[in-house]
């Protein structure tokens, strides 16, 4: 699972956004330009994932951008027509574990995320 961006990561991205070259930012932070590029990509992915999750809490794509769902797991789910957590409703742990690329940790994460989603959706519907 990916860690959220650090303050240092955000400072690196900010310098790049200000128009500084990858080499210049790299020198400032003691990094190779490719490491700067990777940090910028990781922060951008995290921020896109967080925004997508706010807009669509059932988004598996958002979980993948945040690093909570591995690319191979996301691919397996897509092949099976599963695009959202809600598409997993009724799928058991044993079923998930029988699918390629899905191990215990990934299966548990997906089912826990679905349970949290249902709980939050239920809470919202009870308020109205």
C-alpha atoms as a PDB file:
ATOM      1  CA  UNK A   1       0.000   0.000   0.000  1.00  0.00           C
ATOM      2  CA  UNK A   2       1.338   3.419  -0.925  1.00  0.00           C
ATOM      3  CA  UNK A   3       1.930   6.002   1.753  1.00  0.00           C
ATOM      4  CA  UNK A   4       0.251   9.399   1.326  1.00  0.00           C
ATOM      5  CA  UNK A   5       2.528  12.142  -0.008  1.00  0.00           C
ATOM      6  CA  UNK A   6       4.844  13.716   2.551  1.00  0.00           C
ATOM      7  CA  UNK A   7       5.387  17.448   2.990  1.00  0.00           C
ATOM      8  CA  UNK A   8       8.698  16.974   1.173  1.00  0.00           C
ATOM      9  CA  UNK A   9       6.911  15.284  -1.749  1.00  0.00           C
ATOM     10  CA  UNK A  10       4.446  18.168  -1.931  1.00  0.00           C
ATOM     11  CA  UNK A  11       7.313  20.700  -1.835  1.00  0.00           C
ATOM     12  CA  UNK A  12       8.962  18.893  -4.760  1.00  0.00           C
ATOM     13  CA  UNK A  13       5.712  18.967  -6.751  1.00  0.00           C
ATOM     14  CA  UNK A  14       5.249  22.652  -5.927  1.00  0.00           C
ATOM     15  CA  UNK A  15       8.723  23.500  -7.258  1.00  0.00           C
ATOM     16  CA  UNK A  16       7.946  21.653 -10.493  1.00  0.00           C
ATOM     17  CA  UNK A  17       4.577  23.419 -10.763  1.00  0.00           C
ATOM     18  CA  UNK A  18       6.432  26.729 -10.451  1.00  0.00           C
ATOM     19  CA  UNK A  19       8.262  25.840 -13.658  1.00  0.00           C
ATOM     20  CA  UNK A  20      11.589  24.615 -12.331  1.00  0.00           C
ATOM     21  CA  UNK A  21      13.229  21.826 -14.294  1.00  0.00           C
ATOM     22  CA  UNK A  22      13.379  18.284 -12.951  1.00  0.00           C
ATOM     23  CA  UNK A  23      17.176  18.588 -12.792  1.00  0.00           C
ATOM     24  CA  UNK A  24      17.049  21.804 -10.781  1.00  0.00           C
ATOM     25  CA  UNK A  25      14.496  20.385  -8.334  1.00  0.00           C
ATOM     26  CA  UNK A  26      16.548  17.209  -8.108  1.00  0.00           C
ATOM     27  CA  UNK A  27      19.698  19.158  -7.203  1.00  0.00           C
ATOM     28  CA  UNK A  28      17.787  21.115  -4.567  1.00  0.00           C
ATOM     29  CA  UNK A  29      16.517  17.927  -2.910  1.00  0.00           C
ATOM     30  CA  UNK A  30      19.479  15.667  -3.638  1.00  0.00           C
ATOM     31  CA  UNK A  31      17.563  13.466  -6.088  1.00  0.00           C
ATOM     32  CA  UNK A  32      17.946  12.282  -9.658  1.00  0.00           C
ATOM     33  CA  UNK A  33      15.565  13.916 -12.122  1.00  0.00           C
ATOM     34  CA  UNK A  34      13.797  10.570 -12.648  1.00  0.00           C
ATOM     35  CA  UNK A  35      13.126  10.333  -8.898  1.00  0.00           C
ATOM     36  CA  UNK A  36      11.590  13.823  -9.031  1.00  0.00           C
ATOM     37  CA  UNK A  37       9.405  12.733 -11.964  1.00  0.00           C
ATOM     38  CA  UNK A  38       8.292   9.608 -10.046  1.00  0.00           C
ATOM     39  CA  UNK A  39       7.428  11.655  -6.953  1.00  0.00           C
ATOM     40  CA  UNK A  40       5.392  14.108  -9.044  1.00  0.00           C
ATOM     41  CA  UNK A  41       3.518  11.234 -10.698  1.00  0.00           C
ATOM     42  CA  UNK A  42       2.838   9.533  -7.354  1.00  0.00           C
ATOM     43  CA  UNK A  43       1.511  12.766  -5.776  1.00  0.00           C
ATOM     44  CA  UNK A  44      -0.653  13.493  -8.828  1.00  0.00           C
ATOM     45  CA  UNK A  45      -2.046   9.948  -8.765  1.00  0.00           C
ATOM     46  CA  UNK A  46      -2.780  10.235  -5.046  1.00  0.00           C
ATOM     47  CA  UNK A  47      -4.553  13.572  -5.462  1.00  0.00           C
ATOM     48  CA  UNK A  48      -6.585  12.301  -8.445  1.00  0.00           C
ATOM     49  CA  UNK A  49      -7.517   9.173  -6.495  1.00  0.00           C
ATOM     50  CA  UNK A  50      -8.598  11.189  -3.451  1.00  0.00           C
ATOM     51  CA  UNK A  51     -10.742  13.494  -5.617  1.00  0.00           C
ATOM     52  CA  UNK A  52     -12.265  10.546  -7.469  1.00  0.00           C
ATOM     53  CA  UNK A  53     -13.054   8.792  -4.195  1.00  0.00           C
ATOM     54  CA  UNK A  54     -14.805  11.918  -2.888  1.00  0.00           C
ATOM     55  CA  UNK A  55     -16.926  12.013  -6.055  1.00  0.00           C
ATOM     56  CA  UNK A  56     -17.511   8.250  -6.186  1.00  0.00           C
ATOM     57  CA  UNK A  57     -16.831   6.370  -2.941  1.00  0.00           C
ATOM     58  CA  UNK A  58     -17.388   3.045  -4.755  1.00  0.00           C
ATOM     59  CA  UNK A  59     -14.619   3.657  -7.297  1.00  0.00           C
ATOM     60  CA  UNK A  60     -12.076   0.873  -7.592  1.00  0.00           C
ATOM     61  CA  UNK A  61     -10.060   3.124  -9.912  1.00  0.00           C
ATOM     62  CA  UNK A  62      -9.724   5.622  -7.054  1.00  0.00           C
ATOM     63  CA  UNK A  63      -8.517   2.895  -4.711  1.00  0.00           C
ATOM     64  CA  UNK A  64      -5.957   1.867  -7.342  1.00  0.00           C
ATOM     65  CA  UNK A  65      -4.694   5.446  -7.730  1.00  0.00           C
ATOM     66  CA  UNK A  66      -4.330   5.640  -3.951  1.00  0.00           C
ATOM     67  CA  UNK A  67      -2.343   2.428  -4.019  1.00  0.00           C
ATOM     68  CA  UNK A  68      -4.856   0.433  -2.008  1.00  0.00           C
ATOM     69  CA  UNK A  69      -5.666  -1.915  -4.892  1.00  0.00           C
ATOM     70  CA  UNK A  70      -2.779  -3.446  -6.829  1.00  0.00           C
ATOM     71  CA  UNK A  71      -2.821  -3.100 -10.630  1.00  0.00           C
ATOM     72  CA  UNK A  72      -3.065  -6.890 -11.105  1.00  0.00           C
ATOM     73  CA  UNK A  73      -6.077  -7.015  -8.773  1.00  0.00           C
ATOM     74  CA  UNK A  74      -7.726  -4.127 -10.593  1.00  0.00           C
ATOM     75  CA  UNK A  75      -7.156  -5.929 -13.909  1.00  0.00           C
ATOM     76  CA  UNK A  76      -8.693  -9.162 -12.586  1.00  0.00           C
ATOM     77  CA  UNK A  77     -11.746  -7.270 -11.359  1.00  0.00           C
ATOM     78  CA  UNK A  78     -12.162  -5.468 -14.693  1.00  0.00           C
ATOM     79  CA  UNK A  79     -11.945  -8.733 -16.627  1.00  0.00           C
ATOM     80  CA  UNK A  80     -14.822  -9.980 -14.476  1.00  0.00           C
ATOM     81  CA  UNK A  81     -16.874  -6.830 -15.152  1.00  0.00           C
ATOM     82  CA  UNK A  82     -16.310  -5.318 -11.721  1.00  0.00           C
ATOM     83  CA  UNK A  83     -15.743  -1.575 -11.930  1.00  0.00           C
ATOM     84  CA  UNK A  84     -17.117  -0.472  -8.555  1.00  0.00           C
ATOM     85  CA  UNK A  85     -17.083  -1.841  -5.025  1.00  0.00           C
ATOM     86  CA  UNK A  86     -20.844  -2.252  -5.228  1.00  0.00           C
ATOM     87  CA  UNK A  87     -20.325  -4.764  -8.050  1.00  0.00           C
ATOM     88  CA  UNK A  88     -18.794  -7.029  -5.395  1.00  0.00           C
ATOM     89  CA  UNK A  89     -22.057  -7.228  -3.451  1.00  0.00           C
ATOM     90  CA  UNK A  90     -22.756 -10.903  -2.837  1.00  0.00           C
ATOM     91  CA  UNK A  91     -19.219 -12.024  -3.701  1.00  0.00           C
ATOM     92  CA  UNK A  92     -17.661 -14.041  -0.881  1.00  0.00           C
ATOM     93  CA  UNK A  93     -14.103 -14.130   0.395  1.00  0.00           C
ATOM     94  CA  UNK A  94     -13.697 -17.653  -1.006  1.00  0.00           C
ATOM     95  CA  UNK A  95     -14.867 -16.516  -4.439  1.00  0.00           C
ATOM     96  CA  UNK A  96     -12.419 -13.614  -4.447  1.00  0.00           C
ATOM     97  CA  UNK A  97      -9.589 -15.893  -3.375  1.00  0.00           C
ATOM     98  CA  UNK A  98     -10.339 -18.255  -6.255  1.00  0.00           C
ATOM     99  CA  UNK A  99      -9.733 -15.457  -8.789  1.00  0.00           C
ATOM    100  CA  UNK A 100      -6.231 -14.926 -10.212  1.00  0.00           C
ATOM    101  CA  UNK A 101      -4.033 -12.220  -8.647  1.00  0.00           C
ATOM    102  CA  UNK A 102      -6.287 -11.796  -5.601  1.00  0.00           C
ATOM    103  CA  UNK A 103      -4.753 -12.855  -2.312  1.00  0.00           C
ATOM    104  CA  UNK A 104      -6.058 -12.752   1.226  1.00  0.00           C
ATOM    105  CA  UNK A 105      -4.927  -9.179   1.876  1.00  0.00           C
ATOM    106  CA  UNK A 106      -6.512  -7.807  -1.310  1.00  0.00           C
ATOM    107  CA  UNK A 107      -9.734  -9.768  -0.831  1.00  0.00           C
ATOM    108  CA  UNK A 108     -10.073  -8.578   2.760  1.00  0.00           C
ATOM    109  CA  UNK A 109      -9.381  -4.974   1.758  1.00  0.00           C
ATOM    110  CA  UNK A 110     -12.032  -5.065  -0.962  1.00  0.00           C
ATOM    111  CA  UNK A 111     -14.692  -6.632   1.261  1.00  0.00           C
ATOM    112  CA  UNK A 112     -13.899  -4.249   4.126  1.00  0.00           C
ATOM    113  CA  UNK A 113     -14.112  -1.273   1.760  1.00  0.00           C
ATOM    114  CA  UNK A 114     -17.487  -2.543   0.516  1.00  0.00           C
ATOM    115  CA  UNK A 115     -18.727  -2.945   4.105  1.00  0.00           C
ATOM    116  CA  UNK A 116     -17.594   0.618   4.979  1.00  0.00           C
ATOM    117  CA  UNK A 117     -19.313   1.928   1.855  1.00  0.00           C
ATOM    118  CA  UNK A 118     -22.565   0.164   2.726  1.00  0.00           C
ATOM    119  CA  UNK A 119     -22.393   1.424   6.297  1.00  0.00           C
ATOM    120  CA  UNK A 120     -21.808   5.027   5.209  1.00  0.00           C
ATOM    121  CA  UNK A 121     -24.546   4.797   2.563  1.00  0.00           C
ATOM    122  CA  UNK A 122     -26.943   3.316   5.105  1.00  0.00           C
ATOM    123  CA  UNK A 123     -26.113   6.120   7.536  1.00  0.00           C
ATOM    124  CA  UNK A 124     -26.828   8.747   4.881  1.00  0.00           C
ATOM    125  CA  UNK A 125     -30.138   7.179   3.868  1.00  0.00           C
ATOM    126  CA  UNK A 126     -31.280   7.072   7.491  1.00  0.00           C
ATOM    127  CA  UNK A 127     -30.654  10.814   7.842  1.00  0.00           C
ATOM    128  CA  UNK A 128     -33.235  11.649   5.165  1.00  0.00           C
END
